[in-house]
């Protein structure tokens, strides 16, 4: 049965991480069409049977056991079962900044990656990590720890995939950009100044902006905002700190402005998010 087009990045508010994941075994009627692409990343791994993926209304790729496809945001695509059945694991996600190294894959310029995973060790490693991801993601609604375990399993999968690429395609993040990311994540409340970051990195402001966007996939200021929102969500679910204190912890002087930005990112106010996500033990 054909699936209705869905853009998970719209219907699940998270700055980063897994939006939704699953394990499907579909018949010949299964098909999904996204003529405008999606705002998130989609990874599909074929366990058995055969699927088909068409990108940009061009040639179709056949997906057999051990094949990995990654569709990046904005690429029009259609996919479905080829033949009688298709068993596959899938995940829609928005990468954390530190995942950018593992996602710099051959074909990234075309926003499409396809590879057959050869070798029993890699094949088993990827499938086992993805199955753990699906199990933990299914429990993520009841536990923040399950969500993190699911994301760790996805990151493990991306590293396995990167290791299967030819050595000449191996990439690493510029150490200056990596250091900036570490500092932004460690100190979300710090005031961020592009000229100051550039000075500390011995780069011009324009060169820093270009290099950061190239390596991380987003601007410095957008990454700062996402890091702050993700940290705020963790504090809301993992502590009983006042919302005013949490706003200050992640760099906001005005609680009203913090609440507005949080709602833009997660689709609800900090207080409603805490009420829905915080474990019962912390509310007692």
Protein backbone atom coordinates (compact mmCIF):
# COMPACT_ATOMS: atom_id res chain seq x y z
CA UNK A 1 0.00 0.00 0.00
CA UNK A 2 1.36 3.43 -0.94
CA UNK A 3 2.53 5.59 1.93
CA UNK A 4 1.45 9.20 2.25
CA UNK A 5 4.20 11.75 1.71
CA UNK A 6 5.55 12.94 5.05
CA UNK A 7 8.26 15.43 5.97
CA UNK A 8 9.37 14.24 9.38
CA UNK A 9 11.47 17.35 10.02
CA UNK A 10 8.22 19.32 10.12
CA UNK A 11 6.18 16.92 12.24
CA UNK A 12 8.80 16.15 14.89
CA UNK A 13 10.51 19.16 16.45
CA UNK A 14 14.12 18.49 17.35
CA UNK A 15 17.22 20.57 16.61
CA UNK A 16 19.24 17.36 16.20
CA UNK A 17 18.98 13.62 16.37
CA UNK A 18 16.63 10.88 15.25
CA UNK A 19 13.17 12.00 14.16
CA UNK A 20 11.72 8.55 13.53
CA UNK A 21 13.05 5.10 12.66
CA UNK A 22 11.68 1.67 11.89
CA UNK A 23 12.04 -1.83 10.50
CA UNK A 24 9.76 -2.60 7.55
CA UNK A 25 8.95 -5.73 5.59
CA UNK A 26 6.87 -4.56 2.64
CA UNK A 27 5.08 -6.17 -0.30
CA UNK A 28 5.15 -5.20 -3.97
CA UNK A 29 2.58 -2.41 -3.44
CA UNK A 30 4.79 -0.35 -1.13
CA UNK A 31 5.85 3.06 -2.52
CA UNK A 32 6.68 6.53 -1.17
CA UNK A 33 6.93 9.70 -3.27
CA UNK A 34 8.55 12.98 -2.17
CA UNK A 35 8.75 15.19 -5.28
CA UNK A 36 10.08 18.09 -3.20
CA UNK A 37 12.45 16.02 -1.09
CA UNK A 38 12.57 16.37 2.67
CA UNK A 39 14.12 18.71 5.24
CA UNK A 40 15.82 15.80 7.03
CA UNK A 41 18.28 13.02 6.14
CA UNK A 42 17.02 9.54 5.29
CA UNK A 43 19.13 6.38 5.63
CA UNK A 44 17.85 3.00 4.38
CA UNK A 45 19.58 -0.35 4.77
CA UNK A 46 18.27 -3.41 2.91
CA UNK A 47 18.11 -6.63 4.93
CA UNK A 48 16.51 -8.87 2.28
CA UNK A 49 14.40 -8.72 -0.86
CA UNK A 50 14.85 -5.76 -3.19
CA UNK A 51 13.87 -2.11 -3.20
CA UNK A 52 14.24 0.72 -5.69
CA UNK A 53 15.20 4.34 -5.15
CA UNK A 54 14.82 7.06 -7.77
CA UNK A 55 16.45 10.46 -7.23
CA UNK A 56 15.76 13.71 -9.05
CA UNK A 57 13.35 11.90 -11.40
CA UNK A 58 16.38 10.30 -13.05
CA UNK A 59 17.81 6.77 -13.00
CA UNK A 60 16.59 4.21 -10.46
CA UNK A 61 18.95 2.37 -8.11
CA UNK A 62 18.14 -1.21 -7.11
CA UNK A 63 18.72 -1.95 -3.40
CA UNK A 64 19.56 -5.53 -2.40
CA UNK A 65 20.71 -7.12 0.86
CA UNK A 66 23.63 -5.17 2.31
CA UNK A 67 22.98 -1.97 0.34
CA UNK A 68 22.92 1.41 2.07
CA UNK A 69 21.25 4.52 0.66
CA UNK A 70 21.45 7.98 2.22
CA UNK A 71 19.19 10.71 0.82
CA UNK A 72 20.11 14.20 1.94
CA UNK A 73 17.77 17.15 2.49
CA UNK A 74 16.21 18.77 -0.54
CA UNK A 75 16.68 15.97 -3.07
CA UNK A 76 13.42 14.86 -4.77
CA UNK A 77 13.05 11.10 -4.41
CA UNK A 78 10.73 8.14 -4.81
CA UNK A 79 11.26 4.65 -3.42
CA UNK A 80 9.45 1.38 -2.98
CA UNK A 81 9.54 -2.39 -3.34
CA UNK A 82 11.04 -3.88 -6.48
CA UNK A 83 9.73 -7.39 -6.97
CA UNK A 84 7.67 -9.17 -4.36
CA UNK A 85 9.16 -8.00 -1.05
CA UNK A 86 11.56 -5.54 0.55
CA UNK A 87 12.82 -5.85 4.12
CA UNK A 88 14.75 -2.80 5.29
CA UNK A 89 15.71 -0.61 8.25
CA UNK A 90 15.24 3.14 7.91
CA UNK A 91 15.79 6.31 9.89
CA UNK A 92 14.97 9.99 9.38
CA UNK A 93 17.39 12.21 11.27
CA UNK A 94 19.01 15.63 11.59
CA UNK A 95 22.78 15.22 12.11
CA UNK A 96 24.57 16.55 15.15
CA UNK A 97 27.43 18.88 14.16
CA UNK A 98 30.04 16.34 15.24
CA UNK A 99 28.56 13.79 12.80
CA UNK A 100 29.56 15.94 9.82
CA UNK A 101 32.86 14.05 9.41
CA UNK A 102 31.07 10.71 9.07
CA UNK A 103 28.60 12.18 6.59
CA UNK A 104 31.17 13.56 4.18
CA UNK A 105 30.70 10.61 1.85
CA UNK A 106 31.28 10.02 -1.87
CA UNK A 107 28.29 11.43 -3.74
CA UNK A 108 27.58 14.05 -1.10
CA UNK A 109 27.80 16.78 -3.74
CA UNK A 110 24.75 15.21 -5.41
CA UNK A 111 23.04 14.79 -2.03
CA UNK A 112 22.84 11.04 -2.60
CA UNK A 113 24.98 8.16 -1.33
CA UNK A 114 24.73 4.51 -2.34
CA UNK A 115 27.04 1.66 -1.37
CA UNK A 116 26.97 -2.12 -1.16
CA UNK A 117 28.49 -3.18 2.15
CA UNK A 118 30.90 -5.98 1.34
CA UNK A 119 32.39 -8.22 4.02
CA UNK A 120 30.59 -10.10 6.77
CA UNK A 121 32.07 -8.01 9.58
CA UNK A 122 30.92 -4.64 8.23
CA UNK A 123 27.59 -6.07 7.09
CA UNK A 124 26.90 -7.54 10.54
CA UNK A 125 28.15 -4.44 12.36
CA UNK A 126 25.86 -2.07 10.47
CA UNK A 127 22.78 -4.27 10.70
CA UNK A 128 23.29 -4.96 14.42
CA UNK A 129 23.81 -1.25 15.20
CA UNK A 130 20.69 -0.29 13.25
CA UNK A 131 18.59 -2.92 15.01
CA UNK A 132 19.73 -1.52 18.37
CA UNK A 133 18.86 1.95 17.11
CA UNK A 134 15.31 0.85 16.23
CA UNK A 135 14.79 -0.86 19.60
CA UNK A 136 15.99 2.14 21.61
CA UNK A 137 14.11 4.64 19.42
CA UNK A 138 10.89 2.74 20.09
CA UNK A 139 11.42 3.37 23.83
CA UNK A 140 12.63 6.95 23.45
CA UNK A 141 9.25 8.40 24.37
CA UNK A 142 9.57 7.02 27.89
CA UNK A 143 13.27 7.62 28.48
CA UNK A 144 15.77 10.27 27.42
CA UNK A 145 18.50 7.64 27.90
CA UNK A 146 16.91 5.41 25.25
CA UNK A 147 16.93 8.35 22.83
CA UNK A 148 20.64 8.90 23.43
CA UNK A 149 21.37 5.18 23.01
CA UNK A 150 19.48 5.21 19.70
CA UNK A 151 21.55 8.18 18.51
CA UNK A 152 24.80 6.49 19.58
CA UNK A 153 23.81 3.42 17.54
CA UNK A 154 23.11 5.62 14.52
CA UNK A 155 26.48 7.35 14.90
CA UNK A 156 28.13 3.92 15.10
CA UNK A 157 26.39 3.01 11.83
CA UNK A 158 27.68 6.15 10.12
CA UNK A 159 31.22 5.37 11.26
CA UNK A 160 30.94 1.82 9.90
CA UNK A 161 29.76 3.24 6.57
CA UNK A 162 32.60 5.76 6.47
CA UNK A 163 35.08 2.92 7.06
CA UNK A 164 33.80 1.07 3.98
CA UNK A 165 34.65 4.00 1.71
CA UNK A 166 37.94 4.01 -0.25
CA UNK A 167 40.91 5.45 1.62
CA UNK A 168 41.17 8.37 -0.79
CA UNK A 169 37.70 9.46 0.28
CA UNK A 170 38.61 9.51 3.98
CA UNK A 171 38.06 12.95 5.48
CA UNK A 172 38.56 14.61 8.82
CA UNK A 173 37.34 17.84 10.30
CA UNK A 174 39.67 20.83 10.32
CA UNK A 175 41.05 20.94 13.90
CA UNK A 176 40.20 24.64 14.18
CA UNK A 177 36.55 23.96 13.36
CA UNK A 178 36.51 20.93 15.68
CA UNK A 179 37.85 23.10 18.53
CA UNK A 180 35.17 25.74 17.94
CA UNK A 181 32.46 23.06 18.02
CA UNK A 182 33.80 21.65 21.28
CA UNK A 183 33.80 25.09 22.90
CA UNK A 184 30.28 25.89 21.69
CA UNK A 185 29.00 22.60 23.13
CA UNK A 186 30.89 22.93 26.42
CA UNK A 187 29.93 26.56 27.02
CA UNK A 188 26.46 27.15 25.51
CA UNK A 189 25.96 30.33 27.55
CA UNK A 190 29.03 32.13 26.23
CA UNK A 191 28.55 35.16 24.01
CA UNK A 192 29.51 34.26 20.46
CA UNK A 193 31.38 36.74 18.29
CA UNK A 194 32.45 35.70 14.80
CA UNK A 195 35.40 38.14 14.76
CA UNK A 196 36.59 36.78 18.13
CA UNK A 197 36.26 33.15 17.00
CA UNK A 198 38.14 34.03 13.81
CA UNK A 199 40.91 35.75 15.77
CA UNK A 200 41.35 32.75 18.08
CA UNK A 201 41.45 30.42 15.06
CA UNK A 202 43.91 32.60 13.11
CA UNK A 203 41.39 32.96 10.29
CA UNK A 204 39.61 35.87 8.70
CA UNK A 205 35.92 36.20 9.55
CA UNK A 206 34.88 35.40 5.98
CA UNK A 207 37.20 32.38 5.80
CA UNK A 208 35.92 31.04 9.12
CA UNK A 209 32.29 31.42 8.00
CA UNK A 210 32.98 29.62 4.72
CA UNK A 211 35.03 26.80 6.28
CA UNK A 212 32.56 26.24 9.12
CA UNK A 213 29.59 26.01 6.73
CA UNK A 214 31.54 23.70 4.42
CA UNK A 215 32.58 21.30 7.20
CA UNK A 216 29.58 21.41 9.53
CA UNK A 217 26.80 22.08 7.04
CA UNK A 218 25.34 25.15 8.74
CA UNK A 219 26.33 28.63 9.88
CA UNK A 220 28.00 29.30 13.23
CA UNK A 221 24.99 31.21 14.57
CA UNK A 222 22.50 28.54 13.53
CA UNK A 223 24.63 25.86 15.18
CA UNK A 224 24.87 27.96 18.36
CA UNK A 225 21.07 28.25 18.45
CA UNK A 226 20.57 24.51 17.94
CA UNK A 227 23.16 23.58 20.58
CA UNK A 228 21.47 25.90 23.08
CA UNK A 229 18.03 24.48 22.40
CA UNK A 230 19.26 20.89 22.71
CA UNK A 231 21.03 21.69 25.99
CA UNK A 232 17.89 23.43 27.28
CA UNK A 233 15.80 20.35 26.45
CA UNK A 234 18.25 18.17 28.39
CA UNK A 235 18.08 20.48 31.43
CA UNK A 236 14.29 20.59 31.31
CA UNK A 237 13.97 16.81 31.35
CA UNK A 238 16.95 15.98 33.58
CA UNK A 239 16.75 18.66 36.29
CA UNK A 240 14.26 20.68 38.32
CA UNK A 241 15.97 24.01 37.65
CA UNK A 242 13.66 26.94 37.07
CA UNK A 243 13.02 27.87 33.43
CA UNK A 244 14.53 31.31 34.10
CA UNK A 245 17.72 29.60 35.32
CA UNK A 246 17.81 27.26 32.33
CA UNK A 247 17.42 30.21 29.96
CA UNK A 248 20.47 31.81 31.58
CA UNK A 249 22.37 28.49 31.50
CA UNK A 250 22.11 28.40 27.71
CA UNK A 251 22.87 32.05 27.02
CA UNK A 252 19.51 33.88 27.13
CA UNK A 253 19.13 37.02 29.23
CA UNK A 254 15.39 37.24 28.51
CA UNK A 255 13.17 34.30 29.51
CA UNK A 256 10.38 35.44 27.19
CA UNK A 257 12.73 35.40 24.19
CA UNK A 258 14.09 32.01 25.27
CA UNK A 259 10.54 30.62 25.46
CA UNK A 260 9.77 31.89 21.97
CA UNK A 261 12.94 30.36 20.48
CA UNK A 262 12.34 27.06 22.29
CA UNK A 263 8.81 26.87 20.94
CA UNK A 264 10.11 27.52 17.42
CA UNK A 265 12.52 24.59 17.81
CA UNK A 266 10.30 22.06 19.62
CA UNK A 267 6.75 23.16 18.83
CA UNK A 268 5.78 23.78 22.47
CA UNK A 269 6.78 25.93 25.42
CA UNK A 270 9.53 24.83 27.85
CA UNK A 271 6.98 24.18 30.61
CA UNK A 272 4.80 21.96 28.41
CA UNK A 273 7.88 20.15 27.08
CA UNK A 274 9.06 19.47 30.65
CA UNK A 275 5.62 18.23 31.69
CA UNK A 276 5.53 15.78 28.78
CA UNK A 277 9.15 14.59 28.77
CA UNK A 278 10.40 14.72 32.37
CA UNK A 279 10.53 11.35 34.21
CA UNK A 280 7.92 11.02 36.96
CA UNK A 281 10.64 10.52 39.60
CA UNK A 282 11.93 14.05 39.04
CA UNK A 283 8.44 15.56 39.33
CA UNK A 284 7.85 14.09 42.79
